[in-house]
């Protein structure tokens, strides 16, 4: 789990750095971003706030870690589900193409055999 921080509150950001020292990563390498405000980014956002947030302040280190692990697991499950659905669709398309190709081959082969024995 790689996390980037984008907090407006310096105190919150420093606390998170202490709590998450082994998980902090630059934005480009992170799995998601933690922030204390709503920001528009291309990565998933874990919001910490007073109300209507993924984690409500005040919080303990253990609560933070549990919420982050759940958030990360949900992100990973959704990604896996999307990939498996895409793979299923690709497999169905491939199967249709192979079926069409084999049907065409069978028909051509039967025509050649019929022509051979009719003469």
PDB file of N, CA and C in Angstrom:
ATOM      1  N   UNK A   1       0.858  -1.170   0.000  1.00  0.00           N
ATOM      2  CA  UNK A   1       0.000   0.000   0.000  1.00  0.00           C
ATOM      3  C   UNK A   1       0.905   1.234   0.000  1.00  0.00           C
ATOM      4  N   UNK A   2       0.822   1.997  -1.102  1.00  0.00           N
ATOM      5  CA  UNK A   2       1.608   3.221  -1.240  1.00  0.00           C
ATOM      6  C   UNK A   2       0.656   4.409  -1.209  1.00  0.00           C
ATOM      7  N   UNK A   3       0.973   5.374  -0.344  1.00  0.00           N
ATOM      8  CA  UNK A   3       0.053   6.473  -0.084  1.00  0.00           C
ATOM      9  C   UNK A   3       0.768   7.810  -0.257  1.00  0.00           C
ATOM     10  N   UNK A   4       0.102   8.749  -0.924  1.00  0.00           N
ATOM     11  CA  UNK A   4       0.581  10.126  -1.017  1.00  0.00           C
ATOM     12  C   UNK A   4      -0.306  10.995  -0.125  1.00  0.00           C
ATOM     13  N   UNK A   5       0.276  12.058   0.392  1.00  0.00           N
ATOM     14  CA  UNK A   5      -0.471  12.967   1.269  1.00  0.00           C
ATOM     15  C   UNK A   5      -0.663  14.308   0.574  1.00  0.00           C
ATOM     16  N   UNK A   6      -1.859  14.878   0.727  1.00  0.00           N
ATOM     17  CA  UNK A   6      -2.168  16.196   0.173  1.00  0.00           C
ATOM     18  C   UNK A   6      -3.100  16.909   1.141  1.00  0.00           C
ATOM     19  N   UNK A   7      -2.599  17.169   2.344  1.00  0.00           N
ATOM     20  CA  UNK A   7      -3.425  17.773   3.394  1.00  0.00           C
ATOM     21  C   UNK A   7      -3.197  19.274   3.478  1.00  0.00           C
ATOM     22  N   UNK A   8      -4.282  19.972   3.732  1.00  0.00           N
ATOM     23  CA  UNK A   8      -4.195  21.411   3.954  1.00  0.00           C
ATOM     24  C   UNK A   8      -3.650  21.680   5.362  1.00  0.00           C
ATOM     25  N   UNK A   9      -4.024  20.850   6.314  1.00  0.00           N
ATOM     26  CA  UNK A   9      -3.572  20.991   7.687  1.00  0.00           C
ATOM     27  C   UNK A   9      -2.164  20.405   7.832  1.00  0.00           C
ATOM     28  N   UNK A  10      -1.224  21.243   8.191  1.00  0.00           N
ATOM     29  CA  UNK A  10       0.162  20.804   8.370  1.00  0.00           C
ATOM     30  C   UNK A  10       0.269  19.820   9.528  1.00  0.00           C
ATOM     31  N   UNK A  11      -0.475  20.078  10.606  1.00  0.00           N
ATOM     32  CA  UNK A  11      -0.453  19.183  11.762  1.00  0.00           C
ATOM     33  C   UNK A  11      -0.959  17.780  11.384  1.00  0.00           C
ATOM     34  N   UNK A  12      -2.044  17.726  10.633  1.00  0.00           N
ATOM     35  CA  UNK A  12      -2.579  16.437  10.189  1.00  0.00           C
ATOM     36  C   UNK A  12      -1.578  15.728   9.281  1.00  0.00           C
ATOM     37  N   UNK A  13      -0.994  16.451   8.359  1.00  0.00           N
ATOM     38  CA  UNK A  13      -0.043  15.841   7.430  1.00  0.00           C
ATOM     39  C   UNK A  13       1.180  15.286   8.166  1.00  0.00           C
ATOM     40  N   UNK A  14       1.700  16.033   9.133  1.00  0.00           N
ATOM     41  CA  UNK A  14       2.858  15.556   9.910  1.00  0.00           C
ATOM     42  C   UNK A  14       2.485  14.331  10.743  1.00  0.00           C
ATOM     43  N   UNK A  15       1.285  14.319  11.305  1.00  0.00           N
ATOM     44  CA  UNK A  15       0.822  13.158  12.073  1.00  0.00           C
ATOM     45  C   UNK A  15       0.712  11.931  11.175  1.00  0.00           C
ATOM     46  N   UNK A  16       0.162  12.127   9.990  1.00  0.00           N
ATOM     47  CA  UNK A  16       0.037  11.016   9.049  1.00  0.00           C
ATOM     48  C   UNK A  16       1.411  10.507   8.603  1.00  0.00           C
ATOM     49  N   UNK A  17       2.356  11.415   8.424  1.00  0.00           N
ATOM     50  CA  UNK A  17       3.712  11.002   8.065  1.00  0.00           C
ATOM     51  C   UNK A  17       4.308  10.100   9.142  1.00  0.00           C
ATOM     52  N   UNK A  18       4.066  10.437  10.412  1.00  0.00           N
ATOM     53  CA  UNK A  18       4.573   9.617  11.510  1.00  0.00           C
ATOM     54  C   UNK A  18       3.862   8.261  11.537  1.00  0.00           C
ATOM     55  N   UNK A  19       2.535   8.278  11.415  1.00  0.00           N
ATOM     56  CA  UNK A  19       1.754   7.038  11.459  1.00  0.00           C
ATOM     57  C   UNK A  19       2.045   6.119  10.270  1.00  0.00           C
ATOM     58  N   UNK A  20       2.270   6.721   9.112  1.00  0.00           N
ATOM     59  CA  UNK A  20       2.352   5.948   7.862  1.00  0.00           C
ATOM     60  C   UNK A  20       3.741   5.972   7.231  1.00  0.00           C
ATOM     61  N   UNK A  21       4.761   6.151   8.029  1.00  0.00           N
ATOM     62  CA  UNK A  21       6.111   6.357   7.495  1.00  0.00           C
ATOM     63  C   UNK A  21       6.544   5.278   6.498  1.00  0.00           C
ATOM     64  N   UNK A  22       6.104   4.041   6.669  1.00  0.00           N
ATOM     65  CA  UNK A  22       6.500   2.964   5.756  1.00  0.00           C
ATOM     66  C   UNK A  22       5.647   2.900   4.495  1.00  0.00           C
ATOM     67  N   UNK A  23       4.589   3.685   4.440  1.00  0.00           N
ATOM     68  CA  UNK A  23       3.666   3.628   3.306  1.00  0.00           C
ATOM     69  C   UNK A  23       3.680   4.899   2.447  1.00  0.00           C
ATOM     70  N   UNK A  24       4.390   5.918   2.866  1.00  0.00           N
ATOM     71  CA  UNK A  24       4.402   7.191   2.134  1.00  0.00           C
ATOM     72  C   UNK A  24       5.181   7.030   0.829  1.00  0.00           C
ATOM     73  N   UNK A  25       4.598   7.548  -0.253  1.00  0.00           N
ATOM     74  CA  UNK A  25       5.223   7.475  -1.571  1.00  0.00           C
ATOM     75  C   UNK A  25       4.901   8.755  -2.341  1.00  0.00           C
ATOM     76  N   UNK A  26       5.679   9.070  -3.369  1.00  0.00           N
ATOM     77  CA  UNK A  26       5.351  10.219  -4.218  1.00  0.00           C
ATOM     78  C   UNK A  26       4.033   9.990  -4.959  1.00  0.00           C
ATOM     79  N   UNK A  27       3.423  11.065  -5.384  1.00  0.00           N
ATOM     80  CA  UNK A  27       2.109  10.991  -6.032  1.00  0.00           C
ATOM     81  C   UNK A  27       2.107  10.028  -7.219  1.00  0.00           C
ATOM     82  N   UNK A  28       3.120  10.099  -8.059  1.00  0.00           N
ATOM     83  CA  UNK A  28       3.148   9.271  -9.269  1.00  0.00           C
ATOM     84  C   UNK A  28       3.251   7.777  -8.960  1.00  0.00           C
ATOM     85  N   UNK A  29       3.756   7.428  -7.793  1.00  0.00           N
ATOM     86  CA  UNK A  29       3.943   6.019  -7.446  1.00  0.00           C
ATOM     87  C   UNK A  29       2.894   5.491  -6.476  1.00  0.00           C
ATOM     88  N   UNK A  30       2.001   6.342  -6.007  1.00  0.00           N
ATOM     89  CA  UNK A  30       1.061   5.931  -4.959  1.00  0.00           C
ATOM     90  C   UNK A  30      -0.147   5.184  -5.521  1.00  0.00           C
ATOM     91  N   UNK A  31      -0.790   4.419  -4.629  1.00  0.00           N
ATOM     92  CA  UNK A  31      -2.031   3.723  -4.973  1.00  0.00           C
ATOM     93  C   UNK A  31      -3.231   4.642  -4.782  1.00  0.00           C
ATOM     94  N   UNK A  32      -3.156   5.507  -3.758  1.00  0.00           N
ATOM     95  CA  UNK A  32      -4.210   6.480  -3.503  1.00  0.00           C
ATOM     96  C   UNK A  32      -3.654   7.646  -2.693  1.00  0.00           C
ATOM     97  N   UNK A  33      -4.466   8.688  -2.551  1.00  0.00           N
ATOM     98  CA  UNK A  33      -4.052   9.925  -1.880  1.00  0.00           C
ATOM     99  C   UNK A  33      -4.945  10.153  -0.664  1.00  0.00           C
ATOM    100  N   UNK A  34      -4.323  10.595   0.421  1.00  0.00           N
ATOM    101  CA  UNK A  34      -5.077  10.997   1.610  1.00  0.00           C
ATOM    102  C   UNK A  34      -5.109  12.519   1.641  1.00  0.00           C
ATOM    103  N   UNK A  35      -6.302  13.068   1.880  1.00  0.00           N
ATOM    104  CA  UNK A  35      -6.439  14.521   1.959  1.00  0.00           C
ATOM    105  C   UNK A  35      -7.509  14.895   2.972  1.00  0.00           C
ATOM    106  N   UNK A  36      -7.418  16.123   3.459  1.00  0.00           N
ATOM    107  CA  UNK A  36      -8.425  16.630   4.390  1.00  0.00           C
ATOM    108  C   UNK A  36      -9.406  17.567   3.689  1.00  0.00           C
ATOM    109  N   UNK A  37      -9.359  17.589   2.374  1.00  0.00           N
ATOM    110  CA  UNK A  37     -10.303  18.390   1.575  1.00  0.00           C
ATOM    111  C   UNK A  37     -10.581  17.651   0.270  1.00  0.00           C
ATOM    112  N   UNK A  38     -11.666  17.994  -0.368  1.00  0.00           N
ATOM    113  CA  UNK A  38     -11.988  17.373  -1.653  1.00  0.00           C
ATOM    114  C   UNK A  38     -11.158  18.015  -2.746  1.00  0.00           C
ATOM    115  N   UNK A  39     -10.373  17.206  -3.415  1.00  0.00           N
ATOM    116  CA  UNK A  39      -9.545  17.688  -4.511  1.00  0.00           C
ATOM    117  C   UNK A  39      -9.789  16.790  -5.716  1.00  0.00           C
ATOM    118  N   UNK A  40      -9.626  17.346  -6.904  1.00  0.00           N
ATOM    119  CA  UNK A  40      -9.808  16.567  -8.120  1.00  0.00           C
ATOM    120  C   UNK A  40      -8.444  16.063  -8.569  1.00  0.00           C
ATOM    121  N   UNK A  41      -8.299  14.755  -8.531  1.00  0.00           N
ATOM    122  CA  UNK A  41      -7.053  14.105  -8.929  1.00  0.00           C
ATOM    123  C   UNK A  41      -7.389  12.858  -9.728  1.00  0.00           C
ATOM    124  N   UNK A  42      -6.376  12.281 -10.331  1.00  0.00           N
ATOM    125  CA  UNK A  42      -6.563  11.076 -11.140  1.00  0.00           C
ATOM    126  C   UNK A  42      -6.354   9.800 -10.341  1.00  0.00           C
ATOM    127  N   UNK A  43      -6.204   9.915  -9.063  1.00  0.00           N
ATOM    128  CA  UNK A  43      -6.005   8.765  -8.182  1.00  0.00           C
ATOM    129  C   UNK A  43      -7.181   8.693  -7.209  1.00  0.00           C
ATOM    130  N   UNK A  44      -7.427   7.505  -6.643  1.00  0.00           N
ATOM    131  CA  UNK A  44      -8.470   7.412  -5.611  1.00  0.00           C
ATOM    132  C   UNK A  44      -8.131   8.304  -4.417  1.00  0.00           C
ATOM    133  N   UNK A  45      -9.163   8.879  -3.811  1.00  0.00           N
ATOM    134  CA  UNK A  45      -8.972   9.824  -2.708  1.00  0.00           C
ATOM    135  C   UNK A  45      -9.581   9.263  -1.425  1.00  0.00           C
ATOM    136  N   UNK A  46      -8.766   9.196  -0.390  1.00  0.00           N
ATOM    137  CA  UNK A  46      -9.219   8.826   0.950  1.00  0.00           C
ATOM    138  C   UNK A  46      -9.335  10.132   1.719  1.00  0.00           C
ATOM    139  N   UNK A  47     -10.545  10.466   2.130  1.00  0.00           N
ATOM    140  CA  UNK A  47     -10.795  11.762   2.744  1.00  0.00           C
ATOM    141  C   UNK A  47     -10.868  11.641   4.264  1.00  0.00           C
ATOM    142  N   UNK A  48     -10.163  12.534   4.944  1.00  0.00           N
ATOM    143  CA  UNK A  48     -10.221  12.637   6.404  1.00  0.00           C
ATOM    144  C   UNK A  48     -10.883  13.965   6.727  1.00  0.00           C
ATOM    145  N   UNK A  49     -11.890  13.928   7.599  1.00  0.00           N
ATOM    146  CA  UNK A  49     -12.585  15.161   7.919  1.00  0.00           C
ATOM    147  C   UNK A  49     -13.404  15.057   9.183  1.00  0.00           C
ATOM    148  N   UNK A  50     -14.213  16.090   9.408  1.00  0.00           N
ATOM    149  CA  UNK A  50     -15.043  16.156  10.603  1.00  0.00           C
ATOM    150  C   UNK A  50     -16.355  15.413  10.377  1.00  0.00           C
ATOM    151  N   UNK A  51     -16.880  15.460   9.145  1.00  0.00           N
ATOM    152  CA  UNK A  51     -18.103  14.730   8.805  1.00  0.00           C
ATOM    153  C   UNK A  51     -18.078  14.347   7.333  1.00  0.00           C
ATOM    154  N   UNK A  52     -18.858  13.334   6.983  1.00  0.00           N
ATOM    155  CA  UNK A  52     -18.949  12.848   5.606  1.00  0.00           C
ATOM    156  C   UNK A  52     -17.577  12.594   4.995  1.00  0.00           C
ATOM    157  N   UNK A  53     -16.769  11.815   5.692  1.00  0.00           N
ATOM    158  CA  UNK A  53     -15.425  11.488   5.216  1.00  0.00           C
ATOM    159  C   UNK A  53     -15.194   9.986   5.395  1.00  0.00           C
ATOM    160  N   UNK A  54     -14.132   9.502   4.775  1.00  0.00           N
ATOM    161  CA  UNK A  54     -13.771   8.095   4.942  1.00  0.00           C
ATOM    162  C   UNK A  54     -13.298   7.815   6.368  1.00  0.00           C
ATOM    163  N   UNK A  55     -12.710   8.815   6.995  1.00  0.00           N
ATOM    164  CA  UNK A  55     -12.257   8.707   8.381  1.00  0.00           C
ATOM    165  C   UNK A  55     -12.585  10.021   9.086  1.00  0.00           C
ATOM    166  N   UNK A  56     -13.288   9.906  10.206  1.00  0.00           N
ATOM    167  CA  UNK A  56     -13.716  11.080  10.969  1.00  0.00           C
ATOM    168  C   UNK A  56     -12.655  11.413  12.021  1.00  0.00           C
ATOM    169  N   UNK A  57     -12.355  12.708  12.146  1.00  0.00           N
ATOM    170  CA  UNK A  57     -11.419  13.165  13.184  1.00  0.00           C
ATOM    171  C   UNK A  57     -12.173  13.360  14.482  1.00  0.00           C
ATOM    172  N   UNK A  58     -11.582  13.147  15.598  1.00  0.00           N
ATOM    173  CA  UNK A  58     -10.237  12.607  15.858  1.00  0.00           C
ATOM    174  C   UNK A  58     -10.231  11.096  15.657  1.00  0.00           C
ATOM    175  N   UNK A  59      -9.033  10.549  15.436  1.00  0.00           N
ATOM    176  CA  UNK A  59      -8.890   9.124  15.196  1.00  0.00           C
ATOM    177  C   UNK A  59      -7.603   8.623  15.836  1.00  0.00           C
ATOM    178  N   UNK A  60      -7.544   7.316  16.034  1.00  0.00           N
ATOM    179  CA  UNK A  60      -6.330   6.699  16.577  1.00  0.00           C
ATOM    180  C   UNK A  60      -5.540   6.080  15.429  1.00  0.00           C
ATOM    181  N   UNK A  61      -4.312   5.713  15.699  1.00  0.00           N
ATOM    182  CA  UNK A  61      -3.472   5.088  14.686  1.00  0.00           C
ATOM    183  C   UNK A  61      -4.095   3.767  14.226  1.00  0.00           C
ATOM    184  N   UNK A  62      -4.616   2.992  15.154  1.00  0.00           N
ATOM    185  CA  UNK A  62      -5.208   1.702  14.795  1.00  0.00           C
ATOM    186  C   UNK A  62      -6.458   1.889  13.925  1.00  0.00           C
ATOM    187  N   UNK A  63      -7.282   2.871  14.240  1.00  0.00           N
ATOM    188  CA  UNK A  63      -8.469   3.154  13.429  1.00  0.00           C
ATOM    189  C   UNK A  63      -8.046   3.588  12.028  1.00  0.00           C
ATOM    190  N   UNK A  64      -7.043   4.435  11.968  1.00  0.00           N
ATOM    191  CA  UNK A  64      -6.519   4.893  10.678  1.00  0.00           C
ATOM    192  C   UNK A  64      -6.069   3.704   9.841  1.00  0.00           C
ATOM    193  N   UNK A  65      -5.277   2.825  10.427  1.00  0.00           N
ATOM    194  CA  UNK A  65      -4.746   1.685   9.686  1.00  0.00           C
ATOM    195  C   UNK A  65      -5.870   0.746   9.219  1.00  0.00           C
ATOM    196  N   UNK A  66      -6.849   0.501  10.067  1.00  0.00           N
ATOM    197  CA  UNK A  66      -7.971  -0.360   9.676  1.00  0.00           C
ATOM    198  C   UNK A  66      -8.752   0.236   8.506  1.00  0.00           C
ATOM    199  N   UNK A  67      -9.054   1.517   8.608  1.00  0.00           N
ATOM    200  CA  UNK A  67      -9.815   2.182   7.541  1.00  0.00           C
ATOM    201  C   UNK A  67      -9.027   2.190   6.226  1.00  0.00           C
ATOM    202  N   UNK A  68      -7.717   2.453   6.329  1.00  0.00           N
ATOM    203  CA  UNK A  68      -6.889   2.477   5.121  1.00  0.00           C
ATOM    204  C   UNK A  68      -6.789   1.090   4.481  1.00  0.00           C
ATOM    205  N   UNK A  69      -6.642   0.067   5.298  1.00  0.00           N
ATOM    206  CA  UNK A  69      -6.581  -1.292   4.765  1.00  0.00           C
ATOM    207  C   UNK A  69      -7.896  -1.680   4.090  1.00  0.00           C
ATOM    208  N   UNK A  70      -9.015  -1.325   4.693  1.00  0.00           N
ATOM    209  CA  UNK A  70     -10.316  -1.594   4.077  1.00  0.00           C
ATOM    210  C   UNK A  70     -10.476  -0.840   2.758  1.00  0.00           C
ATOM    211  N   UNK A  71     -10.075   0.422   2.759  1.00  0.00           N
ATOM    212  CA  UNK A  71     -10.149   1.257   1.562  1.00  0.00           C
ATOM    213  C   UNK A  71      -9.293   0.647   0.446  1.00  0.00           C
ATOM    214  N   UNK A  72      -8.081   0.263   0.785  1.00  0.00           N
ATOM    215  CA  UNK A  72      -7.160  -0.327  -0.184  1.00  0.00           C
ATOM    216  C   UNK A  72      -7.697  -1.659  -0.708  1.00  0.00           C
ATOM    217  N   UNK A  73      -8.211  -2.491   0.174  1.00  0.00           N
ATOM    218  CA  UNK A  73      -8.778  -3.780  -0.237  1.00  0.00           C
ATOM    219  C   UNK A  73      -9.950  -3.583  -1.185  1.00  0.00           C
ATOM    220  N   UNK A  74     -10.814  -2.619  -0.895  1.00  0.00           N
ATOM    221  CA  UNK A  74     -11.951  -2.341  -1.769  1.00  0.00           C
ATOM    222  C   UNK A  74     -11.493  -1.836  -3.135  1.00  0.00           C
ATOM    223  N   UNK A  75     -10.460  -1.021  -3.152  1.00  0.00           N
ATOM    224  CA  UNK A  75      -9.914  -0.546  -4.427  1.00  0.00           C
ATOM    225  C   UNK A  75      -9.393  -1.721  -5.244  1.00  0.00           C
ATOM    226  N   UNK A  76      -8.654  -2.582  -4.593  1.00  0.00           N
ATOM    227  CA  UNK A  76      -8.037  -3.713  -5.275  1.00  0.00           C
ATOM    228  C   UNK A  76      -9.081  -4.702  -5.757  1.00  0.00           C
ATOM    229  N   UNK A  77     -10.118  -4.939  -4.964  1.00  0.00           N
ATOM    230  CA  UNK A  77     -11.187  -5.854  -5.374  1.00  0.00           C
ATOM    231  C   UNK A  77     -11.914  -5.319  -6.583  1.00  0.00           C
ATOM    232  N   UNK A  78     -12.203  -4.015  -6.599  1.00  0.00           N
ATOM    233  CA  UNK A  78     -12.904  -3.417  -7.736  1.00  0.00           C
ATOM    234  C   UNK A  78     -12.059  -3.511  -8.998  1.00  0.00           C
ATOM    235  N   UNK A  79     -10.775  -3.284  -8.871  1.00  0.00           N
ATOM    236  CA  UNK A  79      -9.884  -3.372 -10.015  1.00  0.00           C
ATOM    237  C   UNK A  79      -9.832  -4.801 -10.532  1.00  0.00           C
ATOM    238  N   UNK A  80      -9.755  -5.761  -9.632  1.00  0.00           N
ATOM    239  CA  UNK A  80      -9.719  -7.167 -10.034  1.00  0.00           C
ATOM    240  C   UNK A  80     -11.014  -7.566 -10.718  1.00  0.00           C
ATOM    241  N   UNK A  81     -12.134  -7.094 -10.206  1.00  0.00           N
ATOM    242  CA  UNK A  81     -13.426  -7.403 -10.801  1.00  0.00           C
ATOM    243  C   UNK A  81     -13.521  -6.827 -12.208  1.00  0.00           C
ATOM    244  N   UNK A  82     -13.091  -5.584 -12.386  1.00  0.00           N
ATOM    245  CA  UNK A  82     -13.117  -4.955 -13.704  1.00  0.00           C
ATOM    246  C   UNK A  82     -12.239  -5.723 -14.685  1.00  0.00           C
ATOM    247  N   UNK A  83     -11.054  -6.127 -14.246  1.00  0.00           N
ATOM    248  CA  UNK A  83     -10.144  -6.859 -15.121  1.00  0.00           C
ATOM    249  C   UNK A  83     -10.730  -8.207 -15.494  1.00  0.00           C
ATOM    250  N   UNK A  84     -11.337  -8.894 -14.541  1.00  0.00           N
ATOM    251  CA  UNK A  84     -11.901 -10.208 -14.846  1.00  0.00           C
ATOM    252  C   UNK A  84     -13.096 -10.076 -15.798  1.00  0.00           C
ATOM    253  N   UNK A  85     -13.887  -9.017 -15.655  1.00  0.00           N
ATOM    254  CA  UNK A  85     -15.005  -8.799 -16.573  1.00  0.00           C
ATOM    255  C   UNK A  85     -14.495  -8.505 -17.974  1.00  0.00           C
ATOM    256  N   UNK A  86     -13.431  -7.684 -18.080  1.00  0.00           N
ATOM    257  CA  UNK A  86     -12.839  -7.391 -19.387  1.00  0.00           C
ATOM    258  C   UNK A  86     -12.273  -8.657 -20.018  1.00  0.00           C
ATOM    259  N   UNK A  87     -11.619  -9.496 -19.218  1.00  0.00           N
ATOM    260  CA  UNK A  87     -11.070 -10.750 -19.727  1.00  0.00           C
ATOM    261  C   UNK A  87     -12.176 -11.674 -20.212  1.00  0.00           C
ATOM    262  N   UNK A  88     -13.279 -11.722 -19.485  1.00  0.00           N
ATOM    263  CA  UNK A  88     -14.415 -12.558 -19.881  1.00  0.00           C
ATOM    264  C   UNK A  88     -14.971 -12.102 -21.227  1.00  0.00           C
ATOM    265  N   UNK A  89     -15.105 -10.809 -21.414  1.00  0.00           N
ATOM    266  CA  UNK A  89     -15.610 -10.269 -22.683  1.00  0.00           C
ATOM    267  C   UNK A  89     -14.650 -10.607 -23.824  1.00  0.00           C
ATOM    268  N   UNK A  90     -13.348 -10.439 -23.584  1.00  0.00           N
ATOM    269  CA  UNK A  90     -12.350 -10.760 -24.609  1.00  0.00           C
ATOM    270  C   UNK A  90     -12.377 -12.239 -24.942  1.00  0.00           C
ATOM    271  N   UNK A  91     -12.542 -13.089 -23.929  1.00  0.00           N
ATOM    272  CA  UNK A  91     -12.606 -14.529 -24.163  1.00  0.00           C
ATOM    273  C   UNK A  91     -13.820 -14.895 -25.006  1.00  0.00           C
ATOM    274  N   UNK A  92     -14.948 -14.258 -24.739  1.00  0.00           N
ATOM    275  CA  UNK A  92     -16.155 -14.534 -25.517  1.00  0.00           C
ATOM    276  C   UNK A  92     -15.972 -14.102 -26.972  1.00  0.00           C
ATOM    277  N   UNK A  93     -15.335 -12.941 -27.184  1.00  0.00           N
ATOM    278  CA  UNK A  93     -15.083 -12.465 -28.544  1.00  0.00           C
ATOM    279  C   UNK A  93     -14.145 -13.411 -29.280  1.00  0.00           C
ATOM    280  N   UNK A  94     -13.114 -13.875 -28.590  1.00  0.00           N
ATOM    281  CA  UNK A  94     -12.168 -14.814 -29.188  1.00  0.00           C
ATOM    282  C   UNK A  94     -12.867 -16.124 -29.543  1.00  0.00           C
ATOM    283  N   UNK A  95     -13.696 -16.607 -28.654  1.00  0.00           N
ATOM    284  CA  UNK A  95     -14.432 -17.848 -28.899  1.00  0.00           C
ATOM    285  C   UNK A  95     -15.339 -17.719 -30.120  1.00  0.00           C
ATOM    286  N   UNK A  96     -16.003 -16.579 -30.269  1.00  0.00           N
ATOM    287  CA  UNK A  96     -16.866 -16.355 -31.432  1.00  0.00           C
ATOM    288  C   UNK A  96     -16.055 -16.354 -32.724  1.00  0.00           C
ATOM    289  N   UNK A  97     -14.888 -15.703 -32.704  1.00  0.00           N
ATOM    290  CA  UNK A  97     -14.043 -15.660 -33.897  1.00  0.00           C
ATOM    291  C   UNK A  97     -13.544 -17.052 -34.265  1.00  0.00           C
ATOM    292  N   UNK A  98     -13.137 -17.826 -33.274  1.00  0.00           N
ATOM    293  CA  UNK A  98     -12.647 -19.178 -33.526  1.00  0.00           C
ATOM    294  C   UNK A  98     -13.773 -20.061 -34.058  1.00  0.00           C
ATOM    295  N   UNK A  99     -14.943 -19.936 -33.483  1.00  0.00           N
ATOM    296  CA  UNK A  99     -16.094 -20.719 -33.942  1.00  0.00           C
ATOM    297  C   UNK A  99     -16.421 -20.381 -35.398  1.00  0.00           C
ATOM    298  N   UNK A 100     -16.430 -19.113 -35.732  1.00  0.00           N
ATOM    299  CA  UNK A 100     -16.718 -18.690 -37.098  1.00  0.00           C
ATOM    300  C   UNK A 100     -15.658 -19.237 -38.064  1.00  0.00           C
ATOM    301  N   UNK A 101     -14.405 -19.144 -37.653  1.00  0.00           N
ATOM    302  CA  UNK A 101     -13.309 -19.626 -38.485  1.00  0.00           C
ATOM    303  C   UNK A 101     -13.382 -21.135 -38.700  1.00  0.00           C
ATOM    304  N   UNK A 102     -13.636 -21.884 -37.641  1.00  0.00           N
ATOM    305  CA  UNK A 102     -13.726 -23.349 -37.775  1.00  0.00           C
ATOM    306  C   UNK A 102     -14.956 -23.763 -38.581  1.00  0.00           C
ATOM    307  N   UNK A 103     -16.056 -23.059 -38.431  1.00  0.00           N
ATOM    308  CA  UNK A 103     -17.251 -23.359 -39.231  1.00  0.00           C
ATOM    309  C   UNK A 103     -16.971 -23.132 -40.718  1.00  0.00           C
ATOM    310  N   UNK A 104     -16.303 -22.039 -41.018  1.00  0.00           N
ATOM    311  CA  UNK A 104     -15.948 -21.738 -42.406  1.00  0.00           C
ATOM    312  C   UNK A 104     -15.005 -22.804 -42.953  1.00  0.00           C
ATOM    313  N   UNK A 105     -14.016 -23.190 -42.169  1.00  0.00           N
ATOM    314  CA  UNK A 105     -13.070 -24.229 -42.588  1.00  0.00           C
ATOM    315  C   UNK A 105     -13.786 -25.554 -42.834  1.00  0.00           C
ATOM    316  N   UNK A 106     -14.671 -25.946 -41.936  1.00  0.00           N
ATOM    317  CA  UNK A 106     -15.419 -27.191 -42.072  1.00  0.00           C
ATOM    318  C   UNK A 106     -16.255 -27.178 -43.349  1.00  0.00           C
ATOM    319  N   UNK A 107     -16.933 -26.063 -43.593  1.00  0.00           N
ATOM    320  CA  UNK A 107     -17.762 -25.952 -44.798  1.00  0.00           C
ATOM    321  C   UNK A 107     -16.904 -26.059 -46.055  1.00  0.00           C
ATOM    322  N   UNK A 108     -15.777 -25.392 -46.088  1.00  0.00           N
ATOM    323  CA  UNK A 108     -14.871 -25.453 -47.235  1.00  0.00           C
ATOM    324  C   UNK A 108     -14.332 -26.865 -47.431  1.00  0.00           C
ATOM    325  N   UNK A 109     -13.958 -27.509 -46.352  1.00  0.00           N
ATOM    326  CA  UNK A 109     -13.436 -28.868 -46.420  1.00  0.00           C
ATOM    327  C   UNK A 109     -14.495 -29.841 -46.952  1.00  0.00           C
ATOM    328  N   UNK A 110     -15.711 -29.697 -46.458  1.00  0.00           N
ATOM    329  CA  UNK A 110     -16.803 -30.550 -46.949  1.00  0.00           C
ATOM    330  C   UNK A 110     -17.069 -30.323 -48.440  1.00  0.00           C
ATOM    331  N   UNK A 111     -17.006 -29.101 -48.874  1.00  0.00           N
ATOM    332  CA  UNK A 111     -17.203 -28.797 -50.295  1.00  0.00           C
ATOM    333  C   UNK A 111     -16.123 -29.450 -51.151  1.00  0.00           C
ATOM    334  N   UNK A 112     -14.882 -29.395 -50.708  1.00  0.00           N
ATOM    335  CA  UNK A 112     -13.778 -30.005 -51.442  1.00  0.00           C
ATOM    336  C   UNK A 112     -13.972 -31.515 -51.513  1.00  0.00           C
ATOM    337  N   UNK A 113     -14.347 -32.130 -50.410  1.00  0.00           N
ATOM    338  CA  UNK A 113     -14.568 -33.580 -50.371  1.00  0.00           C
ATOM    339  C   UNK A 113     -15.729 -33.962 -51.291  1.00  0.00           C
ATOM    340  N   UNK A 114     -16.817 -33.222 -51.257  1.00  0.00           N
ATOM    341  CA  UNK A 114     -17.963 -33.500 -52.122  1.00  0.00           C
ATOM    342  C   UNK A 114     -17.580 -33.383 -53.600  1.00  0.00           C
ATOM    343  N   UNK A 115     -16.812 -32.327 -53.940  1.00  0.00           N
ATOM    344  CA  UNK A 115     -16.378 -32.134 -55.315  1.00  0.00           C
ATOM    345  C   UNK A 115     -15.503 -33.297 -55.763  1.00  0.00           C
ATOM    346  N   UNK A 116     -14.656 -33.772 -54.912  1.00  0.00           N
ATOM    347  CA  UNK A 116     -13.734 -34.867 -55.235  1.00  0.00           C
ATOM    348  C   UNK A 116     -14.504 -36.161 -55.525  1.00  0.00           C
ATOM    349  N   UNK A 117     -15.478 -36.463 -54.674  1.00  0.00           N
ATOM    350  CA  UNK A 117     -16.197 -37.716 -54.829  1.00  0.00           C
ATOM    351  C   UNK A 117     -17.307 -37.636 -55.867  1.00  0.00           C
ATOM    352  N   UNK A 118     -17.744 -36.443 -56.211  1.00  0.00           N
ATOM    353  CA  UNK A 118     -18.774 -36.299 -57.239  1.00  0.00           C
ATOM    354  C   UNK A 118     -18.186 -36.516 -58.629  1.00  0.00           C
ATOM    355  N   UNK A 119     -16.929 -36.291 -58.804  1.00  0.00           N
ATOM    356  CA  UNK A 119     -16.298 -36.429 -60.126  1.00  0.00           C
ATOM    357  C   UNK A 119     -15.884 -37.810 -60.368  1.00  0.00           C
TER     358      UNK A 119
END
